[in-house]
Amino acid sequence: MRIMAVDDELLALEDFEDTCKEVGITDEIVKFSNPLDALSYAAMNKVDIAFLDIEMPIIKGIDLAKRIKAVSPNVRIVFATSYSEYALEAFSADAVDYVMKPYEPEDIKRAYDKALLVRDVVAENHVFVKTFGYFDVFVDGKSVSFTSAKSKELLALLVDRNGGVITTEQAIAILWEGRKYDETVQSLFRKVLKSLRASLEEVGIQDIFIDNRNQRSIDKSKFACDYYDFLENGKSDRIKYFGKYMEQYEWAKDTENQINAMFNL
């Protein structure tokens, strides 16, 4: 289990960590005084429970909770605040508990125990492709494991092309940038194709991948994708995007820059 604590007061973060130790909570705790850093972390790492202050600069705690849930729906939210008037609004943000400052150790333990009882959200989409933050593919809410990093990157490249076709030579030029286009690298590419098919077949979603000889693409009708939703809904989906796109791939920077330009980020 991993707990995330977000509070603009550093002393409050230290107090929270000490309180967790006092009541026997031994899970990993990651602390953030900047809510934007917390949001970025939640999008790229698994977080089980988030204890959030409400009155913070940059982003208020309730808005932060909504944005965290948008990128990581299974995070359990607990608010820790000095302001009781936010209680109703906090629970509308799908919080599991609301702890008043200055809190007692038993308040934190109670909220923690309640969070453990909350089951994961059932995946709204059978297949979901996540591009904001790191690229990942989920089937019924579970991350797909790829036996080859290059096969996962090829799928990411096809998703980035938004249904467009990519040839063998184009794919190789990106996946093995600067490498000579010869039989050796073509053989590597064929192995990547085989690995990608195997990974997709293992979880029963091979139909998202279209392979017509020298032309590869994806069938957008077979899965949901945050990037595609963003392109379709525009600013109404802004809450899901926080400035990072397929962070592990350098070639994805072009698309990231285009998205950021839309919002002057």
C-alpha atoms as a PDB file:
ATOM      1  CA  MET A   1       0.000   0.000   0.000  1.00  0.00           C
ATOM      2  CA  ARG A   2       1.113   3.541  -0.736  1.00  0.00           C
ATOM      3  CA  ILE A   3      -0.266   6.635   1.010  1.00  0.00           C
ATOM      4  CA  MET A   4       0.077  10.125  -0.425  1.00  0.00           C
ATOM      5  CA  ALA A   5      -0.138  13.173   1.857  1.00  0.00           C
ATOM      6  CA  VAL A   6      -0.571  16.650   0.364  1.00  0.00           C
ATOM      7  CA  ASP A   7      -0.404  19.791   2.488  1.00  0.00           C
ATOM      8  CA  ASP A   8       1.199  23.159   1.809  1.00  0.00           C
ATOM      9  CA  GLU A   9       2.494  23.206   5.410  1.00  0.00           C
ATOM     10  CA  LEU A  10       5.635  21.089   5.812  1.00  0.00           C
ATOM     11  CA  LEU A  11       5.129  20.716   9.561  1.00  0.00           C
ATOM     12  CA  ALA A  12       1.663  19.282   8.915  1.00  0.00           C
ATOM     13  CA  LEU A  13       3.159  16.671   6.595  1.00  0.00           C
ATOM     14  CA  GLU A  14       5.722  15.655   9.210  1.00  0.00           C
ATOM     15  CA  ASP A  15       3.000  15.490  11.859  1.00  0.00           C
ATOM     16  CA  PHE A  16       0.898  13.274   9.606  1.00  0.00           C
ATOM     17  CA  GLU A  17       3.752  10.844   9.032  1.00  0.00           C
ATOM     18  CA  ASP A  18       4.539  10.699  12.762  1.00  0.00           C
ATOM     19  CA  THR A  19       0.863  10.065  13.538  1.00  0.00           C
ATOM     20  CA  CYS A  20       0.737   7.190  11.064  1.00  0.00           C
ATOM     21  CA  LYS A  21       3.705   5.572  12.751  1.00  0.00           C
ATOM     22  CA  GLU A  22       2.100   6.137  16.159  1.00  0.00           C
ATOM     23  CA  VAL A  23      -1.049   4.215  15.199  1.00  0.00           C
ATOM     24  CA  GLY A  24       0.837   1.397  13.498  1.00  0.00           C
ATOM     25  CA  ILE A  25       0.381   2.360   9.848  1.00  0.00           C
ATOM     26  CA  THR A  26       3.527   1.032   8.193  1.00  0.00           C
ATOM     27  CA  ASP A  27       2.680   1.658   4.527  1.00  0.00           C
ATOM     28  CA  GLU A  28       4.925   3.753   2.295  1.00  0.00           C
ATOM     29  CA  ILE A  29       4.119   7.469   2.643  1.00  0.00           C
ATOM     30  CA  VAL A  30       4.943  10.008  -0.061  1.00  0.00           C
ATOM     31  CA  LYS A  31       4.568  13.680   0.909  1.00  0.00           C
ATOM     32  CA  PHE A  32       3.975  16.738  -1.252  1.00  0.00           C
ATOM     33  CA  SER A  33       3.666  20.419  -0.412  1.00  0.00           C
ATOM     34  CA  ASN A  34       2.951  21.286  -4.053  1.00  0.00           C
ATOM     35  CA  PRO A  35      -0.379  19.844  -5.278  1.00  0.00           C
ATOM     36  CA  LEU A  36       0.775  19.863  -8.921  1.00  0.00           C
ATOM     37  CA  ASP A  37       3.676  17.591  -8.013  1.00  0.00           C
ATOM     38  CA  ALA A  38       1.221  15.324  -6.212  1.00  0.00           C
ATOM     39  CA  LEU A  39      -1.040  15.166  -9.261  1.00  0.00           C
ATOM     40  CA  SER A  40       1.863  14.286 -11.536  1.00  0.00           C
ATOM     41  CA  TYR A  41       2.995  11.571  -9.138  1.00  0.00           C
ATOM     42  CA  ALA A  42      -0.493  10.035  -8.882  1.00  0.00           C
ATOM     43  CA  ALA A  43      -0.747   9.837 -12.657  1.00  0.00           C
ATOM     44  CA  MET A  44       2.552   7.987 -12.977  1.00  0.00           C
ATOM     45  CA  ASN A  45       2.544   5.827  -9.845  1.00  0.00           C
ATOM     46  CA  LYS A  46       0.069   3.643  -7.999  1.00  0.00           C
ATOM     47  CA  VAL A  47      -1.405   5.445  -4.992  1.00  0.00           C
ATOM     48  CA  ASP A  48      -3.894   3.678  -2.733  1.00  0.00           C
ATOM     49  CA  ILE A  49      -4.929   6.421  -0.289  1.00  0.00           C
ATOM     50  CA  ALA A  50      -4.521  10.207  -0.561  1.00  0.00           C
ATOM     51  CA  PHE A  51      -4.809  12.448   2.520  1.00  0.00           C
ATOM     52  CA  LEU A  52      -5.382  15.957   1.188  1.00  0.00           C
ATOM     53  CA  ASP A  53      -5.502  19.359   2.830  1.00  0.00           C
ATOM     54  CA  ILE A  54      -8.300  21.539   1.410  1.00  0.00           C
ATOM     55  CA  GLU A  55      -7.042  25.116   1.713  1.00  0.00           C
ATOM     56  CA  MET A  56      -3.924  25.152  -0.464  1.00  0.00           C
ATOM     57  CA  PRO A  57      -2.471  27.585  -2.997  1.00  0.00           C
ATOM     58  CA  ILE A  58      -2.343  26.673  -6.718  1.00  0.00           C
ATOM     59  CA  ILE A  59      -5.098  24.042  -6.475  1.00  0.00           C
ATOM     60  CA  LYS A  60      -7.652  23.646  -3.696  1.00  0.00           C
ATOM     61  CA  GLY A  61      -7.820  20.195  -2.168  1.00  0.00           C
ATOM     62  CA  ILE A  62     -11.262  19.381  -3.532  1.00  0.00           C
ATOM     63  CA  ASP A  63     -10.236  20.278  -7.082  1.00  0.00           C
ATOM     64  CA  LEU A  64      -7.045  18.269  -6.620  1.00  0.00           C
ATOM     65  CA  ALA A  65      -9.076  15.260  -5.486  1.00  0.00           C
ATOM     66  CA  LYS A  66     -11.217  15.417  -8.631  1.00  0.00           C
ATOM     67  CA  ARG A  67      -8.152  15.617 -10.845  1.00  0.00           C
ATOM     68  CA  ILE A  68      -6.451  12.736  -9.041  1.00  0.00           C
ATOM     69  CA  LYS A  69      -9.574  10.595  -9.425  1.00  0.00           C
ATOM     70  CA  ALA A  70      -9.687  11.482 -13.125  1.00  0.00           C
ATOM     71  CA  VAL A  71      -6.206  10.057 -13.735  1.00  0.00           C
ATOM     72  CA  SER A  72      -6.314   7.309 -11.085  1.00  0.00           C
ATOM     73  CA  PRO A  73      -9.916   6.392 -10.218  1.00  0.00           C
ATOM     74  CA  ASN A  74      -9.062   3.800  -7.562  1.00  0.00           C
ATOM     75  CA  VAL A  75      -7.357   6.265  -5.187  1.00  0.00           C
ATOM     76  CA  ARG A  76      -9.248   6.592  -1.880  1.00  0.00           C
ATOM     77  CA  ILE A  77      -9.514  10.246  -0.870  1.00  0.00           C
ATOM     78  CA  VAL A  78      -9.426  11.498   2.735  1.00  0.00           C
ATOM     79  CA  PHE A  79      -9.562  15.226   3.493  1.00  0.00           C
ATOM     80  CA  ALA A  80      -7.736  16.653   6.508  1.00  0.00           C
ATOM     81  CA  THR A  81      -8.653  20.267   7.132  1.00  0.00           C
ATOM     82  CA  SER A  82      -9.424  22.941   9.706  1.00  0.00           C
ATOM     83  CA  TYR A  83     -12.598  24.030   7.894  1.00  0.00           C
ATOM     84  CA  SER A  84     -15.775  22.123   8.707  1.00  0.00           C
ATOM     85  CA  GLU A  85     -17.816  24.046   6.123  1.00  0.00           C
ATOM     86  CA  TYR A  86     -16.210  22.027   3.330  1.00  0.00           C
ATOM     87  CA  ALA A  87     -17.571  18.691   4.566  1.00  0.00           C
ATOM     88  CA  LEU A  88     -20.529  18.412   2.190  1.00  0.00           C
ATOM     89  CA  GLU A  89     -18.480  19.482  -0.830  1.00  0.00           C
ATOM     90  CA  ALA A  90     -15.715  17.095   0.166  1.00  0.00           C
ATOM     91  CA  PHE A  91     -17.979  14.064   0.128  1.00  0.00           C
ATOM     92  CA  SER A  92     -19.340  15.139  -3.251  1.00  0.00           C
ATOM     93  CA  ALA A  93     -15.730  14.651  -4.442  1.00  0.00           C
ATOM     94  CA  ASP A  94     -16.065  10.969  -3.506  1.00  0.00           C
ATOM     95  CA  ALA A  95     -14.094  11.194  -0.251  1.00  0.00           C
ATOM     96  CA  VAL A  96     -14.169   8.213   2.099  1.00  0.00           C
ATOM     97  CA  ASP A  97     -13.631  10.346   5.200  1.00  0.00           C
ATOM     98  CA  TYR A  98     -13.118  13.903   6.460  1.00  0.00           C
ATOM     99  CA  VAL A  99     -10.690  14.555   9.323  1.00  0.00           C
ATOM    100  CA  MET A 100     -10.718  17.824  11.237  1.00  0.00           C
ATOM    101  CA  LYS A 101      -7.457  19.489  12.244  1.00  0.00           C
ATOM    102  CA  PRO A 102      -5.971  19.360  14.779  1.00  0.00           C
ATOM    103  CA  TYR A 103      -6.749  15.657  14.502  1.00  0.00           C
ATOM    104  CA  GLU A 104      -6.257  12.922  17.027  1.00  0.00           C
ATOM    105  CA  PRO A 105      -4.311   9.763  16.126  1.00  0.00           C
ATOM    106  CA  GLU A 106      -7.511   7.728  16.242  1.00  0.00           C
ATOM    107  CA  ASP A 107      -9.003  10.009  13.546  1.00  0.00           C
ATOM    108  CA  ILE A 108      -6.256   9.081  11.108  1.00  0.00           C
ATOM    109  CA  LYS A 109      -6.548   5.388  11.988  1.00  0.00           C
ATOM    110  CA  ARG A 110     -10.319   5.510  11.492  1.00  0.00           C
ATOM    111  CA  ALA A 111      -9.972   7.154   8.076  1.00  0.00           C
ATOM    112  CA  TYR A 112      -7.258   4.678   7.079  1.00  0.00           C
ATOM    113  CA  ASP A 113      -9.379   1.674   8.106  1.00  0.00           C
ATOM    114  CA  LYS A 114     -12.385   3.045   6.199  1.00  0.00           C
ATOM    115  CA  ALA A 115     -10.276   3.522   3.089  1.00  0.00           C
ATOM    116  CA  LEU A 116      -9.137  -0.101   3.238  1.00  0.00           C
ATOM    117  CA  LEU A 117     -12.749  -1.232   3.047  1.00  0.00           C
ATOM    118  CA  VAL A 118     -13.415   0.595  -0.220  1.00  0.00           C
ATOM    119  CA  ARG A 119     -13.226  -1.690  -3.234  1.00  0.00           C
ATOM    120  CA  ASP A 120     -11.581  -0.683  -6.498  1.00  0.00           C
ATOM    121  CA  VAL A 121     -13.758   1.077  -9.012  1.00  0.00           C
ATOM    122  CA  VAL A 122     -15.048  -1.288 -11.682  1.00  0.00           C
ATOM    123  CA  ALA A 123     -13.486  -0.284 -14.970  1.00  0.00           C
ATOM    124  CA  GLU A 124     -15.953   1.727 -17.029  1.00  0.00           C
ATOM    125  CA  ASN A 125     -14.326   0.498 -20.235  1.00  0.00           C
ATOM    126  CA  HIS A 126     -13.196  -3.054 -20.975  1.00  0.00           C
ATOM    127  CA  VAL A 127     -10.033  -1.726 -22.618  1.00  0.00           C
ATOM    128  CA  PHE A 128      -8.599   1.634 -21.606  1.00  0.00           C
ATOM    129  CA  VAL A 129      -5.437   3.194 -23.012  1.00  0.00           C
ATOM    130  CA  LYS A 130      -3.791   5.788 -20.780  1.00  0.00           C
ATOM    131  CA  THR A 131      -1.488   8.328 -22.417  1.00  0.00           C
ATOM    132  CA  PHE A 132      -1.458  11.192 -19.900  1.00  0.00           C
ATOM    133  CA  GLY A 133       1.572  10.665 -17.712  1.00  0.00           C
ATOM    134  CA  TYR A 134       3.045   7.324 -18.715  1.00  0.00           C
ATOM    135  CA  PHE A 135       1.618   5.148 -21.482  1.00  0.00           C
ATOM    136  CA  ASP A 136      -0.225   2.075 -20.212  1.00  0.00           C
ATOM    137  CA  VAL A 137      -2.990  -0.265 -21.329  1.00  0.00           C
ATOM    138  CA  PHE A 138      -5.655  -1.591 -18.968  1.00  0.00           C
ATOM    139  CA  VAL A 139      -8.089  -4.464 -19.422  1.00  0.00           C
ATOM    140  CA  ASP A 140     -10.925  -4.447 -16.899  1.00  0.00           C
ATOM    141  CA  GLY A 141      -8.869  -2.104 -14.738  1.00  0.00           C
ATOM    142  CA  LYS A 142      -5.719  -4.271 -14.713  1.00  0.00           C
ATOM    143  CA  SER A 143      -2.500  -3.137 -16.375  1.00  0.00           C
ATOM    144  CA  VAL A 144      -1.356  -5.195 -19.374  1.00  0.00           C
ATOM    145  CA  SER A 145       2.163  -6.598 -19.094  1.00  0.00           C
ATOM    146  CA  PHE A 146       4.250  -6.513 -22.277  1.00  0.00           C
ATOM    147  CA  THR A 147       7.112  -8.994 -22.637  1.00  0.00           C
ATOM    148  CA  SER A 148       8.994  -6.517 -24.835  1.00  0.00           C
ATOM    149  CA  ALA A 149       9.463  -2.820 -24.123  1.00  0.00           C
ATOM    150  CA  LYS A 150       9.693  -2.177 -27.869  1.00  0.00           C
ATOM    151  CA  SER A 151       6.355  -3.889 -28.524  1.00  0.00           C
ATOM    152  CA  LYS A 152       4.704  -1.653 -25.947  1.00  0.00           C
ATOM    153  CA  GLU A 153       6.368   1.359 -27.548  1.00  0.00           C
ATOM    154  CA  LEU A 154       5.116   0.315 -30.992  1.00  0.00           C
ATOM    155  CA  LEU A 155       1.566   0.172 -29.668  1.00  0.00           C
ATOM    156  CA  ALA A 156       2.053   3.593 -28.069  1.00  0.00           C
ATOM    157  CA  LEU A 157       3.259   4.937 -31.418  1.00  0.00           C
ATOM    158  CA  LEU A 158       0.162   3.598 -33.163  1.00  0.00           C
ATOM    159  CA  VAL A 159      -2.096   5.127 -30.512  1.00  0.00           C
ATOM    160  CA  ASP A 160      -0.297   8.434 -30.960  1.00  0.00           C
ATOM    161  CA  ARG A 161      -1.020   8.263 -34.710  1.00  0.00           C
ATOM    162  CA  ASN A 162      -4.730   8.359 -33.815  1.00  0.00           C
ATOM    163  CA  GLY A 163      -5.753   5.525 -36.117  1.00  0.00           C
ATOM    164  CA  GLY A 164      -3.367   6.501 -38.903  1.00  0.00           C
ATOM    165  CA  VAL A 165      -1.267   3.926 -40.731  1.00  0.00           C
ATOM    166  CA  ILE A 166       2.483   3.559 -40.127  1.00  0.00           C
ATOM    167  CA  THR A 167       4.831   1.582 -42.361  1.00  0.00           C
ATOM    168  CA  THR A 168       7.628  -0.712 -41.288  1.00  0.00           C
ATOM    169  CA  GLU A 169      10.271   1.798 -42.312  1.00  0.00           C
ATOM    170  CA  GLN A 170       8.532   4.654 -40.479  1.00  0.00           C
ATOM    171  CA  ALA A 171       8.174   2.587 -37.304  1.00  0.00           C
ATOM    172  CA  ILE A 172      11.808   1.483 -37.375  1.00  0.00           C
ATOM    173  CA  ALA A 173      12.991   5.070 -37.902  1.00  0.00           C
ATOM    174  CA  ILE A 174      11.279   6.018 -34.629  1.00  0.00           C
ATOM    175  CA  LEU A 175      11.819   2.880 -32.525  1.00  0.00           C
ATOM    176  CA  TRP A 176      15.487   2.594 -33.492  1.00  0.00           C
ATOM    177  CA  GLU A 177      16.301   6.210 -34.299  1.00  0.00           C
ATOM    178  CA  GLY A 178      19.456   6.659 -36.336  1.00  0.00           C
ATOM    179  CA  ARG A 179      19.874   2.968 -37.067  1.00  0.00           C
ATOM    180  CA  LYS A 180      20.467   1.793 -40.639  1.00  0.00           C
ATOM    181  CA  TYR A 181      17.391   0.303 -42.305  1.00  0.00           C
ATOM    182  CA  ASP A 182      18.753  -3.154 -43.108  1.00  0.00           C
ATOM    183  CA  GLU A 183      17.761  -6.787 -42.762  1.00  0.00           C
ATOM    184  CA  THR A 184      19.045  -6.954 -39.175  1.00  0.00           C
ATOM    185  CA  VAL A 185      16.778  -4.183 -37.903  1.00  0.00           C
ATOM    186  CA  GLN A 186      13.878  -5.468 -39.996  1.00  0.00           C
ATOM    187  CA  SER A 187      14.311  -8.834 -38.278  1.00  0.00           C
ATOM    188  CA  LEU A 188      14.200  -7.091 -34.907  1.00  0.00           C
ATOM    189  CA  PHE A 189      10.997  -5.354 -35.946  1.00  0.00           C
ATOM    190  CA  ARG A 190       9.377  -8.660 -36.938  1.00  0.00           C
ATOM    191  CA  LYS A 191      10.200 -10.001 -33.466  1.00  0.00           C
ATOM    192  CA  VAL A 192       8.596  -6.909 -31.934  1.00  0.00           C
ATOM    193  CA  LEU A 193       5.446  -7.496 -33.998  1.00  0.00           C
ATOM    194  CA  LYS A 194       5.310 -11.117 -32.839  1.00  0.00           C
ATOM    195  CA  SER A 195       5.774 -10.058 -29.213  1.00  0.00           C
ATOM    196  CA  LEU A 196       3.058  -7.403 -29.479  1.00  0.00           C
ATOM    197  CA  ARG A 197       0.565  -9.865 -30.951  1.00  0.00           C
ATOM    198  CA  ALA A 198       1.357 -12.381 -28.187  1.00  0.00           C
ATOM    199  CA  SER A 199       0.896  -9.810 -25.400  1.00  0.00           C
ATOM    200  CA  LEU A 200      -2.423  -8.637 -26.798  1.00  0.00           C
ATOM    201  CA  GLU A 201      -3.664 -12.181 -27.442  1.00  0.00           C
ATOM    202  CA  GLU A 202      -2.821 -13.174 -23.875  1.00  0.00           C
ATOM    203  CA  VAL A 203      -5.394 -10.682 -22.542  1.00  0.00           C
ATOM    204  CA  GLY A 204      -7.849 -11.172 -25.411  1.00  0.00           C
ATOM    205  CA  ILE A 205      -7.548  -7.759 -27.052  1.00  0.00           C
ATOM    206  CA  GLN A 206      -5.660  -8.660 -30.235  1.00  0.00           C
ATOM    207  CA  ASP A 207      -8.435  -7.062 -32.295  1.00  0.00           C
ATOM    208  CA  ILE A 208      -7.243  -3.544 -31.375  1.00  0.00           C
ATOM    209  CA  PHE A 209      -4.143  -4.113 -33.545  1.00  0.00           C
ATOM    210  CA  ILE A 210      -4.429  -4.041 -37.361  1.00  0.00           C
ATOM    211  CA  ASP A 211      -1.550  -5.566 -39.319  1.00  0.00           C
ATOM    212  CA  ASN A 212      -1.854  -5.451 -43.112  1.00  0.00           C
ATOM    213  CA  ARG A 213       1.545  -6.448 -44.462  1.00  0.00           C
ATOM    214  CA  ASN A 214       3.571  -3.227 -44.479  1.00  0.00           C
ATOM    215  CA  GLN A 215       0.862  -1.114 -42.849  1.00  0.00           C
ATOM    216  CA  ARG A 216       0.010  -1.143 -39.156  1.00  0.00           C
ATOM    217  CA  SER A 217      -2.626   0.781 -37.251  1.00  0.00           C
ATOM    218  CA  ILE A 218      -5.058   0.421 -34.357  1.00  0.00           C
ATOM    219  CA  ASP A 219      -8.837   0.088 -34.322  1.00  0.00           C
ATOM    220  CA  LYS A 220      -9.988   3.065 -32.277  1.00  0.00           C
ATOM    221  CA  SER A 221     -13.481   1.596 -31.888  1.00  0.00           C
ATOM    222  CA  LYS A 222     -12.121  -1.225 -29.712  1.00  0.00           C
ATOM    223  CA  PHE A 223     -10.917   0.811 -26.747  1.00  0.00           C
ATOM    224  CA  ALA A 224     -11.268   4.041 -24.797  1.00  0.00           C
ATOM    225  CA  CYS A 225      -8.366   6.488 -24.561  1.00  0.00           C
ATOM    226  CA  ASP A 226      -7.852   9.639 -22.494  1.00  0.00           C
ATOM    227  CA  TYR A 227      -6.073  11.379 -25.395  1.00  0.00           C
ATOM    228  CA  TYR A 228      -8.885  10.637 -27.833  1.00  0.00           C
ATOM    229  CA  ASP A 229     -11.487  11.785 -25.310  1.00  0.00           C
ATOM    230  CA  PHE A 230      -9.482  14.959 -24.851  1.00  0.00           C
ATOM    231  CA  LEU A 231      -9.364  15.628 -28.600  1.00  0.00           C
ATOM    232  CA  GLU A 232     -13.109  15.081 -28.847  1.00  0.00           C
ATOM    233  CA  ASN A 233     -14.221  16.987 -25.762  1.00  0.00           C
ATOM    234  CA  GLY A 234     -11.550  19.686 -25.640  1.00  0.00           C
ATOM    235  CA  LYS A 235     -11.608  21.943 -22.617  1.00  0.00           C
ATOM    236  CA  SER A 236     -14.352  19.955 -20.913  1.00  0.00           C
ATOM    237  CA  ASP A 237     -11.769  17.183 -20.428  1.00  0.00           C
ATOM    238  CA  ARG A 238      -8.997  19.531 -19.283  1.00  0.00           C
ATOM    239  CA  ILE A 239      -9.220  18.163 -15.737  1.00  0.00           C
ATOM    240  CA  LYS A 240      -7.636  14.885 -16.900  1.00  0.00           C
ATOM    241  CA  TYR A 241      -4.553  16.479 -18.406  1.00  0.00           C
ATOM    242  CA  PHE A 242      -1.701  17.918 -16.343  1.00  0.00           C
ATOM    243  CA  GLY A 243       0.989  18.687 -18.914  1.00  0.00           C
ATOM    244  CA  LYS A 244       2.568  15.247 -19.432  1.00  0.00           C
ATOM    245  CA  TYR A 245       1.943  12.840 -22.329  1.00  0.00           C
ATOM    246  CA  MET A 246       3.532   9.397 -22.824  1.00  0.00           C
ATOM    247  CA  GLU A 247       6.339  10.572 -20.598  1.00  0.00           C
ATOM    248  CA  GLN A 248       8.620   7.585 -21.241  1.00  0.00           C
ATOM    249  CA  TYR A 249       8.943   8.224 -24.987  1.00  0.00           C
ATOM    250  CA  GLU A 250      11.018  11.071 -26.367  1.00  0.00           C
ATOM    251  CA  TRP A 251       9.200  11.055 -29.721  1.00  0.00           C
ATOM    252  CA  ALA A 252       5.931  11.797 -27.894  1.00  0.00           C
ATOM    253  CA  LYS A 253       7.190  15.299 -27.032  1.00  0.00           C
ATOM    254  CA  ASP A 254       5.804  16.650 -30.325  1.00  0.00           C
ATOM    255  CA  THR A 255       2.257  15.651 -29.374  1.00  0.00           C
ATOM    256  CA  GLU A 256       2.783  16.856 -25.813  1.00  0.00           C
ATOM    257  CA  ASN A 257       3.873  20.259 -27.109  1.00  0.00           C
ATOM    258  CA  GLN A 258       0.802  20.444 -29.332  1.00  0.00           C
ATOM    259  CA  ILE A 259      -1.492  19.670 -26.410  1.00  0.00           C
ATOM    260  CA  ASN A 260       0.281  22.159 -24.162  1.00  0.00           C
ATOM    261  CA  ALA A 261       0.013  24.836 -26.852  1.00  0.00           C
ATOM    262  CA  MET A 262      -3.761  24.396 -26.831  1.00  0.00           C
ATOM    263  CA  PHE A 263      -3.808  25.594 -23.211  1.00  0.00           C
ATOM    264  CA  ASN A 264      -0.701  27.787 -23.176  1.00  0.00           C
ATOM    265  CA  LEU A 265       0.981  25.433 -20.683  1.00  0.00           C
END
